[in-house]
mmCIF file of all heavy atoms, coordinates in Angstrom:
data_MODEL
# 
_entry.id   MODEL 
# 
loop_
_atom_site.group_PDB 
_atom_site.id 
_atom_site.type_symbol 
_atom_site.label_atom_id 
_atom_site.label_alt_id 
_atom_site.label_comp_id 
_atom_site.label_asym_id 
_atom_site.label_entity_id 
_atom_site.label_seq_id 
_atom_site.pdbx_PDB_ins_code 
_atom_site.Cartn_x 
_atom_site.Cartn_y 
_atom_site.Cartn_z 
_atom_site.occupancy 
_atom_site.B_iso_or_equiv 
_atom_site.pdbx_formal_charge 
_atom_site.auth_seq_id 
_atom_site.auth_comp_id 
_atom_site.auth_asym_id 
_atom_site.auth_atom_id 
_atom_site.pdbx_PDB_model_num 
ATOM 1   N N   . PHE A 1 1  ? -23.531 -9.100  -11.568 1.00 0.00 ? 1  PHE A N   1 
ATOM 2   C CA  . PHE A 1 1  ? -22.776 -8.251  -12.468 1.00 0.00 ? 1  PHE A CA  1 
ATOM 3   C C   . PHE A 1 1  ? -21.661 -7.418  -11.937 1.00 0.00 ? 1  PHE A C   1 
ATOM 4   O O   . PHE A 1 1  ? -20.783 -7.161  -12.666 1.00 0.00 ? 1  PHE A O   1 
ATOM 5   C CB  . PHE A 1 1  ? -23.820 -7.469  -13.313 1.00 0.00 ? 1  PHE A CB  1 
ATOM 6   C CG  . PHE A 1 1  ? -24.705 -8.183  -14.305 1.00 0.00 ? 1  PHE A CG  1 
ATOM 7   C CD1 . PHE A 1 1  ? -25.957 -8.521  -13.869 1.00 0.00 ? 1  PHE A CD1 1 
ATOM 8   C CD2 . PHE A 1 1  ? -24.275 -8.539  -15.537 1.00 0.00 ? 1  PHE A CD2 1 
ATOM 9   C CE1 . PHE A 1 1  ? -26.795 -9.221  -14.752 1.00 0.00 ? 1  PHE A CE1 1 
ATOM 10  C CE2 . PHE A 1 1  ? -25.090 -9.400  -16.397 1.00 0.00 ? 1  PHE A CE2 1 
ATOM 11  C CZ  . PHE A 1 1  ? -26.295 -9.705  -15.976 1.00 0.00 ? 1  PHE A CZ  1 
ATOM 12  N N   . TRP A 1 2  ? -21.830 -7.034  -10.745 1.00 0.00 ? 2  TRP A N   1 
ATOM 13  C CA  . TRP A 1 2  ? -20.835 -6.174  -10.089 1.00 0.00 ? 2  TRP A CA  1 
ATOM 14  C C   . TRP A 1 2  ? -19.704 -6.901  -9.351  1.00 0.00 ? 2  TRP A C   1 
ATOM 15  O O   . TRP A 1 2  ? -18.618 -6.507  -9.469  1.00 0.00 ? 2  TRP A O   1 
ATOM 16  C CB  . TRP A 1 2  ? -21.601 -5.200  -9.206  1.00 0.00 ? 2  TRP A CB  1 
ATOM 17  C CG  . TRP A 1 2  ? -20.618 -4.458  -8.200  1.00 0.00 ? 2  TRP A CG  1 
ATOM 18  C CD1 . TRP A 1 2  ? -19.927 -3.201  -8.634  1.00 0.00 ? 2  TRP A CD1 1 
ATOM 19  C CD2 . TRP A 1 2  ? -20.159 -4.732  -6.978  1.00 0.00 ? 2  TRP A CD2 1 
ATOM 20  N NE1 . TRP A 1 2  ? -19.206 -2.808  -7.614  1.00 0.00 ? 2  TRP A NE1 1 
ATOM 21  C CE2 . TRP A 1 2  ? -19.235 -3.619  -6.601  1.00 0.00 ? 2  TRP A CE2 1 
ATOM 22  C CE3 . TRP A 1 2  ? -20.488 -5.745  -6.089  1.00 0.00 ? 2  TRP A CE3 1 
ATOM 23  C CZ2 . TRP A 1 2  ? -18.691 -3.669  -5.374  1.00 0.00 ? 2  TRP A CZ2 1 
ATOM 24  C CZ3 . TRP A 1 2  ? -19.858 -5.753  -4.825  1.00 0.00 ? 2  TRP A CZ3 1 
ATOM 25  C CH2 . TRP A 1 2  ? -19.039 -4.739  -4.500  1.00 0.00 ? 2  TRP A CH2 1 
ATOM 26  N N   . LEU A 1 3  ? -20.159 -7.907  -8.690  1.00 0.00 ? 3  LEU A N   1 
ATOM 27  C CA  . LEU A 1 3  ? -19.127 -8.506  -7.807  1.00 0.00 ? 3  LEU A CA  1 
ATOM 28  C C   . LEU A 1 3  ? -17.940 -9.114  -8.611  1.00 0.00 ? 3  LEU A C   1 
ATOM 29  O O   . LEU A 1 3  ? -16.816 -8.976  -8.091  1.00 0.00 ? 3  LEU A O   1 
ATOM 30  C CB  . LEU A 1 3  ? -19.851 -9.696  -6.960  1.00 0.00 ? 3  LEU A CB  1 
ATOM 31  C CG  . LEU A 1 3  ? -19.047 -10.347 -5.969  1.00 0.00 ? 3  LEU A CG  1 
ATOM 32  C CD1 . LEU A 1 3  ? -18.326 -9.379  -4.965  1.00 0.00 ? 3  LEU A CD1 1 
ATOM 33  C CD2 . LEU A 1 3  ? -19.716 -11.452 -5.222  1.00 0.00 ? 3  LEU A CD2 1 
ATOM 34  N N   . PRO A 1 4  ? -18.188 -9.893  -9.710  1.00 0.00 ? 4  PRO A N   1 
ATOM 35  C CA  . PRO A 1 4  ? -17.094 -10.447 -10.437 1.00 0.00 ? 4  PRO A CA  1 
ATOM 36  C C   . PRO A 1 4  ? -15.951 -9.412  -10.854 1.00 0.00 ? 4  PRO A C   1 
ATOM 37  O O   . PRO A 1 4  ? -14.810 -9.565  -10.634 1.00 0.00 ? 4  PRO A O   1 
ATOM 38  C CB  . PRO A 1 4  ? -17.622 -11.220 -11.534 1.00 0.00 ? 4  PRO A CB  1 
ATOM 39  C CG  . PRO A 1 4  ? -19.023 -11.584 -11.122 1.00 0.00 ? 4  PRO A CG  1 
ATOM 40  C CD  . PRO A 1 4  ? -19.469 -10.310 -10.242 1.00 0.00 ? 4  PRO A CD  1 
ATOM 41  N N   . ASP A 1 5  ? -16.527 -8.364  -11.396 1.00 0.00 ? 5  ASP A N   1 
ATOM 42  C CA  . ASP A 1 5  ? -15.576 -7.212  -11.823 1.00 0.00 ? 5  ASP A CA  1 
ATOM 43  C C   . ASP A 1 5  ? -14.843 -6.474  -10.657 1.00 0.00 ? 5  ASP A C   1 
ATOM 44  O O   . ASP A 1 5  ? -13.724 -6.133  -10.722 1.00 0.00 ? 5  ASP A O   1 
ATOM 45  C CB  . ASP A 1 5  ? -16.349 -6.238  -12.680 1.00 0.00 ? 5  ASP A CB  1 
ATOM 46  C CG  . ASP A 1 5  ? -15.311 -5.232  -13.423 1.00 0.00 ? 5  ASP A CG  1 
ATOM 47  O OD1 . ASP A 1 5  ? -14.586 -5.723  -14.291 1.00 0.00 ? 5  ASP A OD1 1 
ATOM 48  O OD2 . ASP A 1 5  ? -15.391 -3.910  -13.154 1.00 0.00 ? 5  ASP A OD2 1 
ATOM 49  N N   . ALA A 1 6  ? -15.660 -6.461  -9.552  1.00 0.00 ? 6  ALA A N   1 
ATOM 50  C CA  . ALA A 1 6  ? -15.098 -5.817  -8.357  1.00 0.00 ? 6  ALA A CA  1 
ATOM 51  C C   . ALA A 1 6  ? -13.860 -6.713  -7.786  1.00 0.00 ? 6  ALA A C   1 
ATOM 52  O O   . ALA A 1 6  ? -12.916 -6.146  -7.406  1.00 0.00 ? 6  ALA A O   1 
ATOM 53  C CB  . ALA A 1 6  ? -16.141 -5.594  -7.204  1.00 0.00 ? 6  ALA A CB  1 
ATOM 54  N N   . LEU A 1 7  ? -14.147 -7.948  -7.851  1.00 0.00 ? 7  LEU A N   1 
ATOM 55  C CA  . LEU A 1 7  ? -13.052 -8.816  -7.341  1.00 0.00 ? 7  LEU A CA  1 
ATOM 56  C C   . LEU A 1 7  ? -11.811 -8.910  -8.333  1.00 0.00 ? 7  LEU A C   1 
ATOM 57  O O   . LEU A 1 7  ? -10.663 -8.852  -7.855  1.00 0.00 ? 7  LEU A O   1 
ATOM 58  C CB  . LEU A 1 7  ? -13.528 -10.349 -7.311  1.00 0.00 ? 7  LEU A CB  1 
ATOM 59  C CG  . LEU A 1 7  ? -14.564 -10.558 -6.178  1.00 0.00 ? 7  LEU A CG  1 
ATOM 60  C CD1 . LEU A 1 7  ? -15.199 -11.899 -6.221  1.00 0.00 ? 7  LEU A CD1 1 
ATOM 61  C CD2 . LEU A 1 7  ? -13.891 -10.374 -4.792  1.00 0.00 ? 7  LEU A CD2 1 
ATOM 62  N N   . VAL A 1 8  ? -12.091 -8.687  -9.673  1.00 0.00 ? 8  VAL A N   1 
ATOM 63  C CA  . VAL A 1 8  ? -11.069 -8.633  -10.583 1.00 0.00 ? 8  VAL A CA  1 
ATOM 64  C C   . VAL A 1 8  ? -10.311 -7.399  -10.502 1.00 0.00 ? 8  VAL A C   1 
ATOM 65  O O   . VAL A 1 8  ? -9.115  -7.365  -10.381 1.00 0.00 ? 8  VAL A O   1 
ATOM 66  C CB  . VAL A 1 8  ? -11.499 -8.817  -11.969 1.00 0.00 ? 8  VAL A CB  1 
ATOM 67  C CG1 . VAL A 1 8  ? -10.394 -8.479  -13.058 1.00 0.00 ? 8  VAL A CG1 1 
ATOM 68  C CG2 . VAL A 1 8  ? -12.127 -10.132 -12.325 1.00 0.00 ? 8  VAL A CG2 1 
ATOM 69  N N   . ARG A 1 9  ? -11.003 -6.335  -10.188 1.00 0.00 ? 9  ARG A N   1 
ATOM 70  C CA  . ARG A 1 9  ? -10.320 -4.944  -9.857  1.00 0.00 ? 9  ARG A CA  1 
ATOM 71  C C   . ARG A 1 9  ? -9.429  -5.047  -8.581  1.00 0.00 ? 9  ARG A C   1 
ATOM 72  O O   . ARG A 1 9  ? -8.350  -4.598  -8.670  1.00 0.00 ? 9  ARG A O   1 
ATOM 73  C CB  . ARG A 1 9  ? -11.400 -3.810  -9.781  1.00 0.00 ? 9  ARG A CB  1 
ATOM 74  C CG  . ARG A 1 9  ? -11.987 -3.436  -11.056 1.00 0.00 ? 9  ARG A CG  1 
ATOM 75  C CD  . ARG A 1 9  ? -13.072 -2.319  -10.689 1.00 0.00 ? 9  ARG A CD  1 
ATOM 76  N NE  . ARG A 1 9  ? -13.617 -1.803  -11.963 1.00 0.00 ? 9  ARG A NE  1 
ATOM 77  C CZ  . ARG A 1 9  ? -13.112 -0.752  -12.621 1.00 0.00 ? 9  ARG A CZ  1 
ATOM 78  N NH1 . ARG A 1 9  ? -11.892 -0.153  -12.136 1.00 0.00 ? 9  ARG A NH1 1 
ATOM 79  N NH2 . ARG A 1 9  ? -13.511 -0.316  -13.737 1.00 0.00 ? 9  ARG A NH2 1 
ATOM 80  N N   . HIS A 1 10 ? -10.053 -5.694  -7.601  1.00 0.00 ? 10 HIS A N   1 
ATOM 81  C CA  . HIS A 1 10 ? -9.219  -5.899  -6.304  1.00 0.00 ? 10 HIS A CA  1 
ATOM 82  C C   . HIS A 1 10 ? -7.929  -6.645  -6.516  1.00 0.00 ? 10 HIS A C   1 
ATOM 83  O O   . HIS A 1 10 ? -6.921  -6.256  -6.016  1.00 0.00 ? 10 HIS A O   1 
ATOM 84  C CB  . HIS A 1 10 ? -10.129 -6.483  -5.370  1.00 0.00 ? 10 HIS A CB  1 
ATOM 85  C CG  . HIS A 1 10 ? -9.582  -6.613  -3.899  1.00 0.00 ? 10 HIS A CG  1 
ATOM 86  N ND1 . HIS A 1 10 ? -9.152  -5.433  -3.202  1.00 0.00 ? 10 HIS A ND1 1 
ATOM 87  C CD2 . HIS A 1 10 ? -9.209  -7.586  -3.213  1.00 0.00 ? 10 HIS A CD2 1 
ATOM 88  C CE1 . HIS A 1 10 ? -8.648  -5.720  -2.071  1.00 0.00 ? 10 HIS A CE1 1 
ATOM 89  N NE2 . HIS A 1 10 ? -8.618  -7.164  -1.978  1.00 0.00 ? 10 HIS A NE2 1 
ATOM 90  N N   . ALA A 1 11 ? -8.098  -7.735  -7.203  1.00 0.00 ? 11 ALA A N   1 
ATOM 91  C CA  . ALA A 1 11 ? -6.890  -8.536  -7.568  1.00 0.00 ? 11 ALA A CA  1 
ATOM 92  C C   . ALA A 1 11 ? -5.860  -7.762  -8.242  1.00 0.00 ? 11 ALA A C   1 
ATOM 93  O O   . ALA A 1 11 ? -4.714  -7.815  -8.054  1.00 0.00 ? 11 ALA A O   1 
ATOM 94  C CB  . ALA A 1 11 ? -7.308  -9.759  -8.429  1.00 0.00 ? 11 ALA A CB  1 
ATOM 95  N N   . ALA A 1 12 ? -6.223  -6.921  -9.246  1.00 0.00 ? 12 ALA A N   1 
ATOM 96  C CA  . ALA A 1 12 ? -5.280  -6.021  -9.995  1.00 0.00 ? 12 ALA A CA  1 
ATOM 97  C C   . ALA A 1 12 ? -4.621  -5.047  -9.073  1.00 0.00 ? 12 ALA A C   1 
ATOM 98  O O   . ALA A 1 12 ? -3.442  -4.677  -9.282  1.00 0.00 ? 12 ALA A O   1 
ATOM 99  C CB  . ALA A 1 12 ? -5.923  -5.384  -11.220 1.00 0.00 ? 12 ALA A CB  1 
ATOM 100 N N   . GLN A 1 13 ? -5.372  -4.541  -8.161  1.00 0.00 ? 13 GLN A N   1 
ATOM 101 C CA  . GLN A 1 13 ? -4.829  -3.521  -7.280  1.00 0.00 ? 13 GLN A CA  1 
ATOM 102 C C   . GLN A 1 13 ? -3.882  -4.065  -6.279  1.00 0.00 ? 13 GLN A C   1 
ATOM 103 O O   . GLN A 1 13 ? -2.924  -3.375  -5.960  1.00 0.00 ? 13 GLN A O   1 
ATOM 104 C CB  . GLN A 1 13 ? -6.080  -2.661  -6.503  1.00 0.00 ? 13 GLN A CB  1 
ATOM 105 C CG  . GLN A 1 13 ? -6.832  -1.796  -7.512  1.00 0.00 ? 13 GLN A CG  1 
ATOM 106 C CD  . GLN A 1 13 ? -8.074  -1.261  -6.850  1.00 0.00 ? 13 GLN A CD  1 
ATOM 107 O OE1 . GLN A 1 13 ? -8.342  -1.576  -5.700  1.00 0.00 ? 13 GLN A OE1 1 
ATOM 108 N NE2 . GLN A 1 13 ? -8.659  -0.417  -7.579  1.00 0.00 ? 13 GLN A NE2 1 
ATOM 109 N N   . ILE A 1 14 ? -4.237  -5.121  -5.722  1.00 0.00 ? 14 ILE A N   1 
ATOM 110 C CA  . ILE A 1 14 ? -3.322  -5.656  -4.583  1.00 0.00 ? 14 ILE A CA  1 
ATOM 111 C C   . ILE A 1 14 ? -2.283  -6.542  -5.182  1.00 0.00 ? 14 ILE A C   1 
ATOM 112 O O   . ILE A 1 14 ? -1.306  -7.054  -4.343  1.00 0.00 ? 14 ILE A O   1 
ATOM 113 C CB  . ILE A 1 14 ? -4.180  -6.436  -3.604  1.00 0.00 ? 14 ILE A CB  1 
ATOM 114 C CG1 . ILE A 1 14 ? -4.739  -7.794  -4.211  1.00 0.00 ? 14 ILE A CG1 1 
ATOM 115 C CG2 . ILE A 1 14 ? -5.247  -5.667  -3.081  1.00 0.00 ? 14 ILE A CG2 1 
ATOM 116 C CD1 . ILE A 1 14 ? -5.312  -8.606  -3.247  1.00 0.00 ? 14 ILE A CD1 1 
ATOM 117 N N   . ALA A 1 15 ? -2.152  -6.861  -6.455  1.00 0.00 ? 15 ALA A N   1 
ATOM 118 C CA  . ALA A 1 15 ? -1.104  -7.641  -6.972  1.00 0.00 ? 15 ALA A CA  1 
ATOM 119 C C   . ALA A 1 15 ? 0.231   -7.163  -6.759  1.00 0.00 ? 15 ALA A C   1 
ATOM 120 O O   . ALA A 1 15 ? 0.495   -6.045  -7.149  1.00 0.00 ? 15 ALA A O   1 
ATOM 121 C CB  . ALA A 1 15 ? -1.288  -8.053  -8.357  1.00 0.00 ? 15 ALA A CB  1 
ATOM 122 N N   . PRO A 1 16 ? 1.119   -7.847  -6.098  1.00 0.00 ? 16 PRO A N   1 
ATOM 123 C CA  . PRO A 1 16 ? 2.577   -7.207  -5.913  1.00 0.00 ? 16 PRO A CA  1 
ATOM 124 C C   . PRO A 1 16 ? 3.234   -7.248  -7.199  1.00 0.00 ? 16 PRO A C   1 
ATOM 125 O O   . PRO A 1 16 ? 2.812   -7.766  -8.124  1.00 0.00 ? 16 PRO A O   1 
ATOM 126 C CB  . PRO A 1 16 ? 3.181   -8.272  -4.948  1.00 0.00 ? 16 PRO A CB  1 
ATOM 127 C CG  . PRO A 1 16 ? 2.504   -9.469  -5.155  1.00 0.00 ? 16 PRO A CG  1 
ATOM 128 C CD  . PRO A 1 16 ? 1.005   -9.072  -5.541  1.00 0.00 ? 16 PRO A CD  1 
ATOM 129 N N   . PRO A 1 17 ? 4.395   -6.418  -7.367  1.00 0.00 ? 17 PRO A N   1 
ATOM 130 C CA  . PRO A 1 17 ? 5.010   -6.237  -8.611  1.00 0.00 ? 17 PRO A CA  1 
ATOM 131 C C   . PRO A 1 17 ? 5.552   -7.619  -9.212  1.00 0.00 ? 17 PRO A C   1 
ATOM 132 O O   . PRO A 1 17 ? 5.556   -7.715  -10.445 1.00 0.00 ? 17 PRO A O   1 
ATOM 133 C CB  . PRO A 1 17 ? 6.346   -5.499  -8.223  1.00 0.00 ? 17 PRO A CB  1 
ATOM 134 C CG  . PRO A 1 17 ? 5.810   -4.768  -7.027  1.00 0.00 ? 17 PRO A CG  1 
ATOM 135 C CD  . PRO A 1 17 ? 4.976   -5.484  -6.338  1.00 0.00 ? 17 PRO A CD  1 
ATOM 136 N N   . ALA A 1 18 ? 5.956   -8.540  -8.438  1.00 0.00 ? 18 ALA A N   1 
ATOM 137 C CA  . ALA A 1 18 ? 6.315   -9.817  -8.947  1.00 0.00 ? 18 ALA A CA  1 
ATOM 138 C C   . ALA A 1 18 ? 5.175   -10.473 -9.739  1.00 0.00 ? 18 ALA A C   1 
ATOM 139 O O   . ALA A 1 18 ? 5.378   -11.268 -10.711 1.00 0.00 ? 18 ALA A O   1 
ATOM 140 C CB  . ALA A 1 18 ? 6.928   -10.751 -7.981  1.00 0.00 ? 18 ALA A CB  1 
ATOM 141 N N   . GLN A 1 19 ? 4.055   -10.524 -9.139  1.00 0.00 ? 19 GLN A N   1 
ATOM 142 C CA  . GLN A 1 19 ? 2.859   -11.210 -9.803  1.00 0.00 ? 19 GLN A CA  1 
ATOM 143 C C   . GLN A 1 19 ? 2.505   -10.478 -10.983 1.00 0.00 ? 19 GLN A C   1 
ATOM 144 O O   . GLN A 1 19 ? 2.236   -11.092 -12.058 1.00 0.00 ? 19 GLN A O   1 
ATOM 145 C CB  . GLN A 1 19 ? 1.566   -11.155 -8.793  1.00 0.00 ? 19 GLN A CB  1 
ATOM 146 C CG  . GLN A 1 19 ? 1.549   -12.208 -7.738  1.00 0.00 ? 19 GLN A CG  1 
ATOM 147 C CD  . GLN A 1 19 ? 0.261   -12.178 -6.899  1.00 0.00 ? 19 GLN A CD  1 
ATOM 148 O OE1 . GLN A 1 19 ? -0.602  -11.510 -7.083  1.00 0.00 ? 19 GLN A OE1 1 
ATOM 149 N NE2 . GLN A 1 19 ? 0.140   -13.209 -6.110  1.00 0.00 ? 19 GLN A NE2 1 
ATOM 150 N N   . LYS A 1 20 ? 2.521   -9.056  -11.057 1.00 0.00 ? 20 LYS A N   1 
ATOM 151 C CA  . LYS A 1 20 ? 2.241   -8.318  -12.218 1.00 0.00 ? 20 LYS A CA  1 
ATOM 152 C C   . LYS A 1 20 ? 3.257   -8.681  -13.336 1.00 0.00 ? 20 LYS A C   1 
ATOM 153 O O   . LYS A 1 20 ? 2.887   -8.830  -14.539 1.00 0.00 ? 20 LYS A O   1 
ATOM 154 C CB  . LYS A 1 20 ? 2.228   -6.800  -11.921 1.00 0.00 ? 20 LYS A CB  1 
ATOM 155 C CG  . LYS A 1 20 ? 1.057   -6.384  -11.137 1.00 0.00 ? 20 LYS A CG  1 
ATOM 156 C CD  . LYS A 1 20 ? 1.096   -4.884  -10.881 1.00 0.00 ? 20 LYS A CD  1 
ATOM 157 C CE  . LYS A 1 20 ? -0.093  -4.554  -9.978  1.00 0.00 ? 20 LYS A CE  1 
ATOM 158 N NZ  . LYS A 1 20 ? -0.080  -2.997  -9.803  1.00 0.00 ? 20 LYS A NZ  1 
ATOM 159 N N   . ARG A 1 21 ? 4.576   -8.893  -12.963 1.00 0.00 ? 21 ARG A N   1 
ATOM 160 C CA  . ARG A 1 21 ? 5.464   -9.235  -13.915 1.00 0.00 ? 21 ARG A CA  1 
ATOM 161 C C   . ARG A 1 21 ? 5.210   -10.619 -14.591 1.00 0.00 ? 21 ARG A C   1 
ATOM 162 O O   . ARG A 1 21 ? 5.315   -10.838 -15.778 1.00 0.00 ? 21 ARG A O   1 
ATOM 163 C CB  . ARG A 1 21 ? 7.023   -9.178  -13.304 1.00 0.00 ? 21 ARG A CB  1 
ATOM 164 C CG  . ARG A 1 21 ? 8.076   -9.503  -14.152 1.00 0.00 ? 21 ARG A CG  1 
ATOM 165 C CD  . ARG A 1 21 ? 8.224   -8.617  -15.501 1.00 0.00 ? 21 ARG A CD  1 
ATOM 166 N NE  . ARG A 1 21 ? 8.433   -7.244  -15.123 1.00 0.00 ? 21 ARG A NE  1 
ATOM 167 C CZ  . ARG A 1 21 ? 9.736   -6.684  -14.880 1.00 0.00 ? 21 ARG A CZ  1 
ATOM 168 N NH1 . ARG A 1 21 ? 10.884  -7.582  -14.892 1.00 0.00 ? 21 ARG A NH1 1 
ATOM 169 N NH2 . ARG A 1 21 ? 9.893   -5.297  -14.528 1.00 0.00 ? 21 ARG A NH2 1 
ATOM 170 N N   . THR A 1 22 ? 4.800   -11.534 -13.710 1.00 0.00 ? 22 THR A N   1 
ATOM 171 C CA  . THR A 1 22 ? 4.396   -12.841 -14.175 1.00 0.00 ? 22 THR A CA  1 
ATOM 172 C C   . THR A 1 22 ? 3.260   -12.696 -15.208 1.00 0.00 ? 22 THR A C   1 
ATOM 173 O O   . THR A 1 22 ? 3.196   -13.422 -16.275 1.00 0.00 ? 22 THR A O   1 
ATOM 174 C CB  . THR A 1 22 ? 4.032   -13.728 -12.972 1.00 0.00 ? 22 THR A CB  1 
ATOM 175 O OG1 . THR A 1 22 ? 5.078   -13.892 -12.124 1.00 0.00 ? 22 THR A OG1 1 
ATOM 176 C CG2 . THR A 1 22 ? 3.520   -15.128 -13.470 1.00 0.00 ? 22 THR A CG2 1 
ATOM 177 N N   . ILE A 1 23 ? 2.271   -11.936 -14.911 1.00 0.00 ? 23 ILE A N   1 
ATOM 178 C CA  . ILE A 1 23 ? 1.209   -11.732 -15.877 1.00 0.00 ? 23 ILE A CA  1 
ATOM 179 C C   . ILE A 1 23 ? 1.652   -11.182 -17.184 1.00 0.00 ? 23 ILE A C   1 
ATOM 180 O O   . ILE A 1 23 ? 1.321   -11.585 -18.264 1.00 0.00 ? 23 ILE A O   1 
ATOM 181 C CB  . ILE A 1 23 ? 0.082   -10.826 -15.244 1.00 0.00 ? 23 ILE A CB  1 
ATOM 182 C CG1 . ILE A 1 23 ? -0.567  -11.449 -14.006 1.00 0.00 ? 23 ILE A CG1 1 
ATOM 183 C CG2 . ILE A 1 23 ? -0.992  -10.438 -16.160 1.00 0.00 ? 23 ILE A CG2 1 
ATOM 184 C CD1 . ILE A 1 23 ? -1.377  -10.511 -13.221 1.00 0.00 ? 23 ILE A CD1 1 
ATOM 185 N N   . GLY A 1 24 ? 2.480   -10.053 -17.034 1.00 0.00 ? 24 GLY A N   1 
ATOM 186 C CA  . GLY A 1 24 ? 3.105   -9.536  -18.255 1.00 0.00 ? 24 GLY A CA  1 
ATOM 187 C C   . GLY A 1 24 ? 3.952   -10.508 -19.125 1.00 0.00 ? 24 GLY A C   1 
ATOM 188 O O   . GLY A 1 24 ? 3.762   -10.493 -20.316 1.00 0.00 ? 24 GLY A O   1 
# 
C-alpha cells in the first residue's frame, strides 16, 4: 500500500520541467 504511492510521489518530485509540461 505504501510503496506504489511513494514511487509515484518520487516520480512527481524528480520530473524535470519538460516532462511536467508533457503531462500538462
